[in-house]
Amino acid sequence: MGTNGSKYPLAIAAAALVSLGAVGCTSNNDVAPAPSETVTVTATPAPTPAPTATATALVIPDCEQLLPIEEVQQYEPWSRVMLLQSSEGTALAADLPGPAAREAAARASQNRGCLLGVPQSDAGLGVYTLEIAPETRDDLIEALRADEAYTESDIEGAPSFAIATEEGMGGSTVSYTFAGDAWIILRGTLIDIETASRVAAPVLASLRAANPGLG
């Protein structure tokens, strides 16, 4: 009996130790984890694309402003020259000398024509101002320079080409002058290769005044 009685305190003590160990384990497992750091990601807005530059159409003044007749009349042989007619359209393209010029004229986005003449005579001159794309202009200039029939000159910094043709009773002259996207065509019996610049120069000046920055 005495032996059995001494076992009970040991059993109780062992149970108490087990119970304390269990409590200790539970206490360690119940510790709340430290809160993790929250990272906020801010989306970077996409850059706004720059607006596309819009090409400005060539301003072609009316014939009276484009080619002041008084300037033409200062040259004595042209003292009686008058402005007879003005027109718009691309009908000119069909009969220009050379396929390169005809193709370029057919692609023009603008075409204004001014017809000059001397009353009661067969002396006349068509003055045409066309707007063409830079690549069309460059291709045409290259073709003209490759053609030995054309005489190249410079009019106020603008390349110019002239050719004598057999059109009309006594022949005529065709002149091309380029400035930026402007193409000035002179065609008729009133001019020759030497005097074409007397008409092309004031037309070029008027175009540059109406289009600041024109080449």
N, C-alpha and C. Protein backbone atom coordinates (compact mmCIF):
# COMPACT_ATOMS: atom_id res chain seq x y z
N MET A 1 0.83 -1.19 0.00
CA MET A 1 0.00 0.00 0.00
C MET A 1 0.86 1.23 0.00
N GLY A 2 1.92 1.20 0.87
CA GLY A 2 2.77 2.38 0.93
C GLY A 2 3.46 2.62 -0.38
N THR A 3 3.83 1.52 -1.07
CA THR A 3 4.51 1.68 -2.36
C THR A 3 3.61 2.28 -3.39
N ASN A 4 2.36 1.77 -3.43
CA ASN A 4 1.41 2.31 -4.40
C ASN A 4 1.09 3.75 -4.13
N GLY A 5 1.03 4.13 -2.89
CA GLY A 5 0.69 5.50 -2.55
C GLY A 5 1.77 6.46 -2.99
N SER A 6 3.06 6.00 -3.01
CA SER A 6 4.13 6.91 -3.40
C SER A 6 4.14 7.16 -4.90
N LYS A 7 3.48 6.31 -5.70
CA LYS A 7 3.44 6.51 -7.16
C LYS A 7 2.54 7.64 -7.57
N TYR A 8 1.52 7.89 -6.82
CA TYR A 8 0.54 8.90 -7.23
C TYR A 8 1.15 10.28 -7.34
N PRO A 9 1.96 10.73 -6.30
CA PRO A 9 2.55 12.07 -6.45
C PRO A 9 3.42 12.15 -7.68
N LEU A 10 4.17 11.07 -8.04
CA LEU A 10 5.02 11.10 -9.23
C LEU A 10 4.20 11.21 -10.50
N ALA A 11 3.09 10.47 -10.50
CA ALA A 11 2.21 10.51 -11.70
C ALA A 11 1.62 11.88 -11.87
N ILE A 12 1.24 12.46 -10.76
CA ILE A 12 0.64 13.80 -10.83
C ILE A 12 1.67 14.81 -11.30
N ALA A 13 2.91 14.68 -10.80
CA ALA A 13 3.97 15.61 -11.18
C ALA A 13 4.28 15.48 -12.66
N ALA A 14 4.32 14.22 -13.13
CA ALA A 14 4.61 14.00 -14.56
C ALA A 14 3.52 14.59 -15.42
N ALA A 15 2.28 14.41 -15.00
CA ALA A 15 1.15 14.97 -15.76
C ALA A 15 1.23 16.47 -15.79
N ALA A 16 1.66 17.05 -14.69
CA ALA A 16 1.76 18.50 -14.62
C ALA A 16 2.83 19.00 -15.57
N LEU A 17 3.97 18.27 -15.65
CA LEU A 17 5.04 18.68 -16.56
C LEU A 17 4.60 18.60 -18.02
N VAL A 18 3.89 17.50 -18.33
CA VAL A 18 3.38 17.35 -19.71
C VAL A 18 2.44 18.48 -20.05
N SER A 19 1.58 18.81 -19.07
CA SER A 19 0.60 19.88 -19.29
C SER A 19 1.30 21.20 -19.51
N LEU A 20 2.36 21.49 -18.72
CA LEU A 20 3.08 22.76 -18.89
C LEU A 20 3.78 22.82 -20.23
N GLY A 21 4.36 21.62 -20.62
CA GLY A 21 5.03 21.60 -21.93
C GLY A 21 4.06 21.87 -23.05
N ALA A 22 2.86 21.33 -22.94
CA ALA A 22 1.86 21.55 -23.98
C ALA A 22 1.45 23.00 -24.04
N VAL A 23 1.31 23.61 -22.86
CA VAL A 23 0.93 25.02 -22.82
C VAL A 23 2.02 25.86 -23.45
N GLY A 24 3.29 25.49 -23.13
CA GLY A 24 4.40 26.26 -23.70
C GLY A 24 4.42 26.17 -25.20
N CYS A 25 4.17 25.01 -25.74
CA CYS A 25 4.17 24.85 -27.21
C CYS A 25 3.07 25.65 -27.85
N THR A 26 1.91 25.62 -27.24
CA THR A 26 0.78 26.37 -27.78
C THR A 26 1.07 27.85 -27.77
N SER A 27 1.75 28.33 -26.73
CA SER A 27 2.03 29.75 -26.62
C SER A 27 2.95 30.21 -27.74
N ASN A 28 3.99 29.33 -28.06
CA ASN A 28 4.92 29.72 -29.12
C ASN A 28 4.25 29.74 -30.48
N ASN A 29 3.35 28.81 -30.71
CA ASN A 29 2.69 28.73 -32.03
C ASN A 29 1.67 29.82 -32.24
N ASP A 30 1.15 30.42 -31.16
CA ASP A 30 0.10 31.43 -31.30
C ASP A 30 0.65 32.84 -31.52
N VAL A 31 1.97 33.04 -31.61
CA VAL A 31 2.53 34.39 -31.81
C VAL A 31 2.19 34.87 -33.21
N ALA A 32 1.56 36.02 -33.35
CA ALA A 32 1.13 36.55 -34.66
C ALA A 32 2.35 36.96 -35.47
N PRO A 33 2.39 36.60 -36.75
CA PRO A 33 3.55 36.98 -37.60
C PRO A 33 3.59 38.48 -37.81
N ALA A 34 4.81 38.99 -37.98
CA ALA A 34 4.96 40.44 -38.22
C ALA A 34 4.33 40.79 -39.56
N PRO A 35 3.61 41.86 -39.58
CA PRO A 35 2.95 42.23 -40.85
C PRO A 35 4.00 42.52 -41.94
N SER A 36 3.74 41.99 -43.15
CA SER A 36 4.67 42.22 -44.27
C SER A 36 4.48 43.63 -44.82
N GLU A 37 5.57 44.18 -45.37
CA GLU A 37 5.52 45.54 -45.91
C GLU A 37 4.72 45.56 -47.21
N THR A 38 3.82 46.50 -47.33
CA THR A 38 3.00 46.61 -48.54
C THR A 38 3.67 47.56 -49.53
N VAL A 39 3.90 47.08 -50.74
CA VAL A 39 4.54 47.88 -51.78
C VAL A 39 3.47 48.34 -52.77
N THR A 40 3.35 49.63 -52.92
CA THR A 40 2.37 50.19 -53.85
C THR A 40 3.06 50.53 -55.16
N VAL A 41 2.60 49.95 -56.26
CA VAL A 41 3.18 50.19 -57.57
C VAL A 41 2.33 51.20 -58.31
N THR A 42 2.93 52.30 -58.67
CA THR A 42 2.21 53.35 -59.41
C THR A 42 2.54 53.22 -60.89
N ALA A 43 1.52 53.05 -61.68
CA ALA A 43 1.72 52.90 -63.13
C ALA A 43 2.21 54.21 -63.73
N THR A 44 3.26 54.09 -64.54
CA THR A 44 3.78 55.28 -65.23
C THR A 44 2.95 55.53 -66.48
N PRO A 45 2.36 56.71 -66.60
CA PRO A 45 1.53 56.96 -67.79
C PRO A 45 2.37 56.96 -69.06
N ALA A 46 1.79 56.40 -70.11
CA ALA A 46 2.49 56.36 -71.40
C ALA A 46 2.66 57.78 -71.92
N PRO A 47 3.82 58.07 -72.50
CA PRO A 47 4.03 59.43 -73.03
C PRO A 47 3.06 59.75 -74.15
N THR A 48 2.59 60.96 -74.15
CA THR A 48 1.66 61.39 -75.20
C THR A 48 2.44 61.65 -76.48
N PRO A 49 2.07 60.98 -77.57
CA PRO A 49 2.83 61.19 -78.82
C PRO A 49 2.71 62.62 -79.30
N ALA A 50 3.80 63.11 -79.85
CA ALA A 50 3.79 64.48 -80.38
C ALA A 50 2.88 64.54 -81.59
N PRO A 51 2.13 65.61 -81.74
CA PRO A 51 1.23 65.72 -82.90
C PRO A 51 2.02 65.74 -84.19
N THR A 52 1.48 65.06 -85.19
CA THR A 52 2.13 65.01 -86.50
C THR A 52 1.98 66.34 -87.21
N ALA A 53 3.11 66.84 -87.70
CA ALA A 53 3.08 68.13 -88.40
C ALA A 53 2.27 68.00 -89.69
N THR A 54 1.42 68.94 -89.92
CA THR A 54 0.60 68.95 -91.12
C THR A 54 1.23 69.86 -92.15
N ALA A 55 1.43 69.31 -93.33
CA ALA A 55 2.05 70.11 -94.40
C ALA A 55 1.12 71.25 -94.78
N THR A 56 1.71 72.41 -94.95
CA THR A 56 0.95 73.59 -95.33
C THR A 56 0.94 73.71 -96.84
N ALA A 57 -0.25 73.91 -97.39
CA ALA A 57 -0.37 74.03 -98.85
C ALA A 57 0.31 75.30 -99.33
N LEU A 58 0.87 75.23 -100.50
CA LEU A 58 1.52 76.38 -101.12
C LEU A 58 0.48 77.46 -101.42
N VAL A 59 0.78 78.68 -101.03
CA VAL A 59 -0.11 79.80 -101.33
C VAL A 59 0.30 80.37 -102.69
N ILE A 60 -0.62 80.31 -103.65
CA ILE A 60 -0.36 80.85 -104.98
C ILE A 60 -1.24 82.08 -105.18
N PRO A 61 -0.67 83.26 -105.19
CA PRO A 61 -1.49 84.48 -105.35
C PRO A 61 -2.20 84.50 -106.69
N ASP A 62 -3.21 85.36 -106.78
CA ASP A 62 -3.88 85.59 -108.06
C ASP A 62 -2.88 86.14 -109.06
N CYS A 63 -3.23 86.03 -110.33
CA CYS A 63 -2.30 86.45 -111.38
C CYS A 63 -1.86 87.90 -111.23
N GLU A 64 -2.77 88.78 -110.83
CA GLU A 64 -2.42 90.20 -110.69
C GLU A 64 -1.35 90.42 -109.64
N GLN A 65 -1.39 89.61 -108.55
CA GLN A 65 -0.38 89.73 -107.49
C GLN A 65 0.85 88.86 -107.79
N LEU A 66 0.62 87.74 -108.44
CA LEU A 66 1.72 86.82 -108.73
C LEU A 66 2.71 87.43 -109.72
N LEU A 67 2.19 88.10 -110.73
CA LEU A 67 3.05 88.69 -111.75
C LEU A 67 2.55 90.10 -112.08
N PRO A 68 2.98 91.09 -111.29
CA PRO A 68 2.58 92.47 -111.56
C PRO A 68 2.97 92.86 -112.98
N ILE A 69 1.96 93.18 -113.78
CA ILE A 69 2.21 93.43 -115.20
C ILE A 69 3.15 94.61 -115.41
N GLU A 70 3.17 95.56 -114.47
CA GLU A 70 4.05 96.72 -114.60
C GLU A 70 5.52 96.31 -114.63
N GLU A 71 5.86 95.27 -113.88
CA GLU A 71 7.24 94.81 -113.87
C GLU A 71 7.63 94.21 -115.21
N VAL A 72 6.70 93.50 -115.82
CA VAL A 72 6.97 92.91 -117.13
C VAL A 72 7.12 94.01 -118.18
N GLN A 73 6.27 95.01 -118.09
CA GLN A 73 6.27 96.08 -119.10
C GLN A 73 7.50 96.98 -119.03
N GLN A 74 8.27 96.89 -117.95
CA GLN A 74 9.49 97.70 -117.86
C GLN A 74 10.52 97.29 -118.90
N TYR A 75 10.44 96.06 -119.36
CA TYR A 75 11.33 95.61 -120.42
C TYR A 75 10.74 96.09 -121.75
N GLU A 76 11.47 96.91 -122.47
CA GLU A 76 10.94 97.64 -123.63
C GLU A 76 10.20 96.76 -124.65
N PRO A 77 10.73 95.61 -125.05
CA PRO A 77 10.00 94.80 -126.02
C PRO A 77 8.65 94.30 -125.51
N TRP A 78 8.45 94.36 -124.18
CA TRP A 78 7.19 93.88 -123.61
C TRP A 78 6.32 95.02 -123.09
N SER A 79 6.55 96.20 -123.55
CA SER A 79 5.83 97.36 -123.02
C SER A 79 4.32 97.28 -123.26
N ARG A 80 3.88 96.49 -124.23
CA ARG A 80 2.45 96.39 -124.54
C ARG A 80 1.84 95.08 -124.04
N VAL A 81 2.59 94.33 -123.27
CA VAL A 81 2.09 93.05 -122.76
C VAL A 81 0.94 93.28 -121.78
N MET A 82 -0.08 92.42 -121.87
CA MET A 82 -1.24 92.52 -120.98
C MET A 82 -1.56 91.14 -120.40
N LEU A 83 -2.22 91.13 -119.24
CA LEU A 83 -2.74 89.89 -118.68
C LEU A 83 -4.06 89.60 -119.38
N LEU A 84 -4.13 88.48 -120.08
CA LEU A 84 -5.32 88.17 -120.87
C LEU A 84 -6.27 87.21 -120.17
N GLN A 85 -5.73 86.27 -119.42
CA GLN A 85 -6.59 85.22 -118.86
C GLN A 85 -5.90 84.53 -117.69
N SER A 86 -6.68 84.01 -116.76
CA SER A 86 -6.15 83.18 -115.68
C SER A 86 -6.97 81.90 -115.61
N SER A 87 -6.36 80.83 -115.16
CA SER A 87 -7.06 79.54 -115.12
C SER A 87 -6.43 78.65 -114.06
N GLU A 88 -7.12 77.57 -113.72
CA GLU A 88 -6.61 76.57 -112.79
C GLU A 88 -6.91 75.20 -113.36
N GLY A 89 -6.01 74.25 -113.09
CA GLY A 89 -6.22 72.90 -113.57
C GLY A 89 -4.92 72.29 -114.04
N THR A 90 -4.97 71.03 -114.45
CA THR A 90 -3.76 70.31 -114.84
C THR A 90 -3.73 69.97 -116.33
N ALA A 91 -4.51 70.66 -117.15
CA ALA A 91 -4.52 70.38 -118.58
C ALA A 91 -3.15 70.60 -119.20
N LEU A 92 -2.33 71.43 -118.57
CA LEU A 92 -0.99 71.73 -119.09
C LEU A 92 -0.13 70.49 -119.20
N ALA A 93 -0.37 69.49 -118.37
CA ALA A 93 0.54 68.35 -118.27
C ALA A 93 0.67 67.57 -119.57
N ALA A 94 -0.34 67.58 -120.39
CA ALA A 94 -0.36 66.71 -121.56
C ALA A 94 0.69 67.05 -122.60
N ASP A 95 1.07 68.31 -122.74
CA ASP A 95 1.94 68.68 -123.84
C ASP A 95 3.21 69.41 -123.43
N LEU A 96 3.70 69.16 -122.23
CA LEU A 96 5.02 69.68 -121.86
C LEU A 96 6.10 68.85 -122.54
N PRO A 97 7.23 69.44 -122.87
CA PRO A 97 8.30 68.65 -123.48
C PRO A 97 8.92 67.68 -122.48
N GLY A 98 9.01 66.43 -122.86
CA GLY A 98 9.66 65.43 -122.02
C GLY A 98 8.70 64.68 -121.12
N PRO A 99 8.83 63.35 -121.05
CA PRO A 99 7.94 62.55 -120.19
C PRO A 99 8.08 62.86 -118.71
N ALA A 100 9.28 63.20 -118.25
CA ALA A 100 9.48 63.49 -116.82
C ALA A 100 8.67 64.71 -116.40
N ALA A 101 8.67 65.75 -117.24
CA ALA A 101 7.90 66.96 -116.92
C ALA A 101 6.41 66.69 -116.99
N ARG A 102 5.97 65.91 -117.97
CA ARG A 102 4.53 65.61 -118.08
C ARG A 102 4.05 64.81 -116.87
N GLU A 103 4.85 63.85 -116.45
CA GLU A 103 4.48 63.04 -115.28
C GLU A 103 4.44 63.89 -114.02
N ALA A 104 5.42 64.77 -113.85
CA ALA A 104 5.46 65.63 -112.67
C ALA A 104 4.26 66.58 -112.64
N ALA A 105 3.91 67.14 -113.79
CA ALA A 105 2.77 68.06 -113.85
C ALA A 105 1.47 67.34 -113.56
N ALA A 106 1.36 66.10 -114.00
CA ALA A 106 0.14 65.32 -113.74
C ALA A 106 -0.04 65.05 -112.25
N ARG A 107 1.05 65.05 -111.49
CA ARG A 107 0.98 64.79 -110.05
C ARG A 107 0.80 66.06 -109.22
N ALA A 108 0.80 67.20 -109.85
CA ALA A 108 0.72 68.46 -109.10
C ALA A 108 -0.58 68.55 -108.31
N SER A 109 -0.49 69.08 -107.09
CA SER A 109 -1.69 69.24 -106.26
C SER A 109 -2.37 70.58 -106.50
N GLN A 110 -1.63 71.53 -107.08
CA GLN A 110 -2.21 72.82 -107.46
C GLN A 110 -1.61 73.24 -108.80
N ASN A 111 -2.38 74.00 -109.57
CA ASN A 111 -1.87 74.48 -110.85
C ASN A 111 -2.65 75.74 -111.22
N ARG A 112 -1.97 76.87 -111.18
CA ARG A 112 -2.60 78.13 -111.58
C ARG A 112 -1.88 78.69 -112.80
N GLY A 113 -2.67 79.06 -113.81
CA GLY A 113 -2.09 79.57 -115.03
C GLY A 113 -2.48 81.02 -115.28
N CYS A 114 -1.53 81.78 -115.82
CA CYS A 114 -1.76 83.18 -116.19
C CYS A 114 -1.28 83.35 -117.63
N LEU A 115 -2.15 83.83 -118.49
CA LEU A 115 -1.81 84.00 -119.90
C LEU A 115 -1.54 85.47 -120.20
N LEU A 116 -0.33 85.74 -120.68
CA LEU A 116 0.07 87.09 -121.07
C LEU A 116 0.14 87.16 -122.60
N GLY A 117 -0.09 88.34 -123.13
CA GLY A 117 0.01 88.49 -124.57
C GLY A 117 0.06 89.94 -124.99
N VAL A 118 0.37 90.14 -126.25
CA VAL A 118 0.40 91.48 -126.85
C VAL A 118 -0.79 91.57 -127.80
N PRO A 119 -1.68 92.53 -127.58
CA PRO A 119 -2.85 92.65 -128.45
C PRO A 119 -2.46 92.73 -129.93
N GLN A 120 -3.26 92.08 -130.76
CA GLN A 120 -3.09 92.08 -132.21
C GLN A 120 -1.73 91.55 -132.64
N SER A 121 -1.27 90.52 -131.93
CA SER A 121 -0.01 89.87 -132.32
C SER A 121 -0.09 88.41 -131.89
N ASP A 122 0.87 87.62 -132.36
CA ASP A 122 0.92 86.22 -131.95
C ASP A 122 1.90 86.00 -130.80
N ALA A 123 2.36 87.08 -130.17
CA ALA A 123 3.28 86.98 -129.04
C ALA A 123 2.48 86.69 -127.77
N GLY A 124 2.79 85.59 -127.14
CA GLY A 124 2.08 85.22 -125.92
C GLY A 124 2.96 84.42 -124.98
N LEU A 125 2.51 84.31 -123.75
CA LEU A 125 3.27 83.57 -122.74
C LEU A 125 2.34 83.02 -121.68
N GLY A 126 2.45 81.73 -121.43
CA GLY A 126 1.73 81.10 -120.33
C GLY A 126 2.64 81.02 -119.12
N VAL A 127 2.15 81.50 -117.98
CA VAL A 127 2.90 81.44 -116.72
C VAL A 127 2.13 80.53 -115.78
N TYR A 128 2.71 79.38 -115.44
CA TYR A 128 2.02 78.38 -114.63
C TYR A 128 2.78 78.16 -113.33
N THR A 129 2.05 78.11 -112.24
CA THR A 129 2.65 77.83 -110.93
C THR A 129 2.02 76.57 -110.39
N LEU A 130 2.84 75.56 -110.16
CA LEU A 130 2.36 74.26 -109.69
C LEU A 130 2.95 73.95 -108.33
N GLU A 131 2.21 73.18 -107.55
CA GLU A 131 2.72 72.66 -106.28
C GLU A 131 3.00 71.18 -106.46
N ILE A 132 4.24 70.77 -106.23
CA ILE A 132 4.62 69.38 -106.40
C ILE A 132 5.35 68.89 -105.15
N ALA A 133 5.34 67.56 -104.95
CA ALA A 133 6.00 66.96 -103.79
C ALA A 133 7.52 67.04 -103.96
N PRO A 134 8.26 67.10 -102.85
CA PRO A 134 9.72 67.21 -102.93
C PRO A 134 10.37 66.10 -103.75
N GLU A 135 9.88 64.85 -103.59
CA GLU A 135 10.50 63.76 -104.33
C GLU A 135 10.23 63.88 -105.83
N THR A 136 9.04 64.39 -106.19
CA THR A 136 8.73 64.62 -107.60
C THR A 136 9.64 65.70 -108.17
N ARG A 137 9.82 66.78 -107.41
CA ARG A 137 10.71 67.87 -107.83
C ARG A 137 12.13 67.37 -108.04
N ASP A 138 12.64 66.59 -107.07
CA ASP A 138 14.02 66.12 -107.15
C ASP A 138 14.23 65.22 -108.36
N ASP A 139 13.26 64.33 -108.62
CA ASP A 139 13.37 63.44 -109.77
C ASP A 139 13.37 64.24 -111.07
N LEU A 140 12.53 65.27 -111.13
CA LEU A 140 12.45 66.08 -112.35
C LEU A 140 13.74 66.87 -112.57
N ILE A 141 14.27 67.47 -111.52
CA ILE A 141 15.52 68.23 -111.65
C ILE A 141 16.65 67.31 -112.12
N GLU A 142 16.69 66.11 -111.58
CA GLU A 142 17.72 65.15 -112.00
C GLU A 142 17.58 64.82 -113.48
N ALA A 143 16.34 64.63 -113.94
CA ALA A 143 16.11 64.33 -115.36
C ALA A 143 16.49 65.51 -116.25
N LEU A 144 16.20 66.72 -115.81
CA LEU A 144 16.53 67.90 -116.61
C LEU A 144 18.04 68.09 -116.72
N ARG A 145 18.75 67.85 -115.63
CA ARG A 145 20.20 67.99 -115.66
C ARG A 145 20.87 66.94 -116.55
N ALA A 146 20.19 65.81 -116.69
CA ALA A 146 20.74 64.75 -117.54
C ALA A 146 20.45 64.99 -119.02
N ASP A 147 19.58 65.95 -119.32
CA ASP A 147 19.20 66.25 -120.70
C ASP A 147 20.00 67.46 -121.19
N GLU A 148 20.89 67.24 -122.13
CA GLU A 148 21.78 68.31 -122.60
C GLU A 148 21.04 69.39 -123.38
N ALA A 149 19.79 69.16 -123.74
CA ALA A 149 19.04 70.17 -124.49
C ALA A 149 18.65 71.36 -123.61
N TYR A 150 18.66 71.17 -122.29
CA TYR A 150 18.26 72.24 -121.37
C TYR A 150 19.46 73.07 -120.94
N THR A 151 19.24 74.36 -120.81
CA THR A 151 20.25 75.28 -120.28
C THR A 151 19.90 75.59 -118.83
N GLU A 152 20.80 75.29 -117.91
CA GLU A 152 20.54 75.53 -116.48
C GLU A 152 21.11 76.87 -116.06
N SER A 153 20.36 77.56 -115.22
CA SER A 153 20.82 78.84 -114.66
C SER A 153 20.31 78.95 -113.23
N ASP A 154 20.63 80.06 -112.61
CA ASP A 154 20.21 80.31 -111.23
C ASP A 154 19.45 81.63 -111.19
N ILE A 155 18.23 81.58 -110.63
CA ILE A 155 17.41 82.79 -110.50
C ILE A 155 17.17 83.04 -109.02
N GLU A 156 17.87 83.99 -108.46
CA GLU A 156 17.71 84.34 -107.04
C GLU A 156 17.84 83.11 -106.14
N GLY A 157 18.82 82.25 -106.44
CA GLY A 157 19.05 81.07 -105.63
C GLY A 157 18.21 79.87 -105.99
N ALA A 158 17.36 79.98 -106.99
CA ALA A 158 16.50 78.87 -107.41
C ALA A 158 17.01 78.28 -108.73
N PRO A 159 17.12 76.95 -108.83
CA PRO A 159 17.58 76.35 -110.08
C PRO A 159 16.53 76.54 -111.18
N SER A 160 17.00 76.87 -112.38
CA SER A 160 16.09 77.13 -113.49
C SER A 160 16.64 76.46 -114.75
N PHE A 161 15.74 75.95 -115.59
CA PHE A 161 16.11 75.25 -116.81
C PHE A 161 15.26 75.79 -117.96
N ALA A 162 15.88 75.98 -119.12
CA ALA A 162 15.15 76.51 -120.27
C ALA A 162 15.53 75.72 -121.52
N ILE A 163 14.56 75.61 -122.44
CA ILE A 163 14.78 74.89 -123.68
C ILE A 163 14.00 75.57 -124.79
N ALA A 164 14.60 75.67 -125.96
CA ALA A 164 13.92 76.22 -127.13
C ALA A 164 13.24 75.07 -127.87
N THR A 165 11.99 75.27 -128.25
CA THR A 165 11.23 74.24 -128.97
C THR A 165 10.80 74.77 -130.33
N GLU A 166 10.23 73.91 -131.14
CA GLU A 166 9.78 74.29 -132.48
C GLU A 166 8.28 74.54 -132.51
N GLU A 167 7.67 74.72 -131.39
CA GLU A 167 6.23 74.98 -131.34
C GLU A 167 5.93 76.36 -131.93
N GLY A 168 4.75 76.49 -132.51
CA GLY A 168 4.33 77.79 -133.03
C GLY A 168 4.98 78.11 -134.36
N MET A 169 4.66 79.29 -134.86
CA MET A 169 5.17 79.72 -136.16
C MET A 169 6.70 79.89 -136.14
N GLY A 170 7.21 80.54 -135.11
CA GLY A 170 8.64 80.79 -135.05
C GLY A 170 9.33 80.09 -133.91
N GLY A 171 8.67 79.08 -133.34
CA GLY A 171 9.23 78.39 -132.19
C GLY A 171 8.87 79.09 -130.89
N SER A 172 9.13 78.44 -129.80
CA SER A 172 8.84 79.02 -128.49
C SER A 172 9.85 78.51 -127.48
N THR A 173 9.74 79.01 -126.28
CA THR A 173 10.68 78.63 -125.21
C THR A 173 9.90 78.14 -124.00
N VAL A 174 10.44 77.10 -123.36
CA VAL A 174 9.86 76.58 -122.12
C VAL A 174 10.91 76.73 -121.02
N SER A 175 10.49 77.26 -119.89
CA SER A 175 11.40 77.49 -118.76
C SER A 175 10.79 76.89 -117.49
N TYR A 176 11.62 76.21 -116.71
CA TYR A 176 11.20 75.63 -115.43
C TYR A 176 12.07 76.22 -114.32
N THR A 177 11.44 76.73 -113.27
CA THR A 177 12.16 77.24 -112.11
C THR A 177 11.58 76.60 -110.86
N PHE A 178 12.44 76.20 -109.92
CA PHE A 178 12.00 75.44 -108.74
C PHE A 178 12.39 76.18 -107.45
N ALA A 179 11.43 76.27 -106.53
CA ALA A 179 11.67 76.85 -105.21
C ALA A 179 10.80 76.11 -104.20
N GLY A 180 11.42 75.32 -103.33
CA GLY A 180 10.63 74.53 -102.39
C GLY A 180 9.71 73.60 -103.14
N ASP A 181 8.41 73.64 -102.81
CA ASP A 181 7.44 72.80 -103.52
C ASP A 181 6.75 73.56 -104.64
N ALA A 182 7.29 74.69 -105.03
CA ALA A 182 6.73 75.49 -106.13
C ALA A 182 7.52 75.22 -107.41
N TRP A 183 6.78 75.05 -108.48
CA TRP A 183 7.38 74.83 -109.80
C TRP A 183 6.79 75.87 -110.74
N ILE A 184 7.63 76.76 -111.22
CA ILE A 184 7.20 77.84 -112.11
C ILE A 184 7.51 77.44 -113.55
N ILE A 185 6.48 77.41 -114.38
CA ILE A 185 6.65 77.05 -115.78
C ILE A 185 6.30 78.27 -116.65
N LEU A 186 7.21 78.63 -117.53
CA LEU A 186 6.95 79.66 -118.53
C LEU A 186 6.96 78.99 -119.89
N ARG A 187 6.00 79.37 -120.72
CA ARG A 187 5.93 78.72 -122.03
C ARG A 187 5.31 79.66 -123.04
N GLY A 188 6.04 79.96 -124.10
CA GLY A 188 5.47 80.82 -125.13
C GLY A 188 6.49 81.45 -126.05
N THR A 189 5.99 82.30 -126.93
CA THR A 189 6.83 82.97 -127.92
C THR A 189 7.35 84.31 -127.42
N LEU A 190 6.86 84.76 -126.29
CA LEU A 190 7.25 86.08 -125.79
C LEU A 190 8.67 86.08 -125.22
N ILE A 191 9.14 84.92 -124.79
CA ILE A 191 10.45 84.83 -124.14
C ILE A 191 11.41 83.99 -124.98
N ASP A 192 12.68 84.08 -124.63
CA ASP A 192 13.68 83.14 -125.12
C ASP A 192 14.50 82.69 -123.91
N ILE A 193 15.52 81.90 -124.14
CA ILE A 193 16.31 81.38 -123.02
C ILE A 193 16.94 82.50 -122.20
N GLU A 194 17.31 83.59 -122.86
CA GLU A 194 17.98 84.69 -122.18
C GLU A 194 17.01 85.57 -121.38
N THR A 195 15.78 85.72 -121.85
CA THR A 195 14.85 86.66 -121.21
C THR A 195 13.84 85.99 -120.27
N ALA A 196 13.86 84.67 -120.20
CA ALA A 196 12.89 83.97 -119.35
C ALA A 196 12.98 84.41 -117.90
N SER A 197 14.20 84.71 -117.45
CA SER A 197 14.38 85.10 -116.04
C SER A 197 13.69 86.42 -115.71
N ARG A 198 13.43 87.27 -116.73
CA ARG A 198 12.75 88.54 -116.47
C ARG A 198 11.31 88.33 -116.02
N VAL A 199 10.75 87.20 -116.36
CA VAL A 199 9.39 86.87 -115.90
C VAL A 199 9.45 85.97 -114.67
N ALA A 200 10.34 84.99 -114.69
CA ALA A 200 10.42 84.05 -113.58
C ALA A 200 10.81 84.73 -112.27
N ALA A 201 11.69 85.73 -112.32
CA ALA A 201 12.17 86.38 -111.10
C ALA A 201 11.05 87.07 -110.32
N PRO A 202 10.19 87.90 -110.94
CA PRO A 202 9.12 88.51 -110.15
C PRO A 202 8.08 87.50 -109.66
N VAL A 203 7.84 86.43 -110.43
CA VAL A 203 6.93 85.39 -109.95
C VAL A 203 7.51 84.71 -108.72
N LEU A 204 8.80 84.41 -108.76
CA LEU A 204 9.47 83.79 -107.62
C LEU A 204 9.41 84.70 -106.40
N ALA A 205 9.63 85.99 -106.59
CA ALA A 205 9.58 86.94 -105.47
C ALA A 205 8.19 86.98 -104.85
N SER A 206 7.15 86.94 -105.67
CA SER A 206 5.77 86.97 -105.16
C SER A 206 5.46 85.70 -104.37
N LEU A 207 5.92 84.57 -104.85
CA LEU A 207 5.69 83.31 -104.14
C LEU A 207 6.41 83.29 -102.80
N ARG A 208 7.62 83.80 -102.77
CA ARG A 208 8.36 83.83 -101.50
C ARG A 208 7.73 84.80 -100.51
N ALA A 209 7.17 85.88 -101.00
CA ALA A 209 6.49 86.83 -100.11
C ALA A 209 5.23 86.20 -99.52
N ALA A 210 4.54 85.39 -100.30
CA ALA A 210 3.30 84.75 -99.84
C ALA A 210 3.56 83.50 -99.03
N ASN A 211 4.77 82.94 -99.13
CA ASN A 211 5.12 81.70 -98.43
C ASN A 211 6.48 81.88 -97.74
N PRO A 212 6.51 82.52 -96.56
CA PRO A 212 7.78 82.72 -95.86
C PRO A 212 8.49 81.38 -95.65
N GLY A 213 9.77 81.36 -95.93
CA GLY A 213 10.53 80.13 -95.77
C GLY A 213 10.62 79.29 -97.02
N LEU A 214 9.94 79.71 -98.09
CA LEU A 214 10.02 78.96 -99.34
C LEU A 214 11.45 79.01 -99.85
N GLY A 215 11.94 77.88 -100.33
CA GLY A 215 13.33 77.79 -100.76
C GLY A 215 13.66 78.71 -101.91
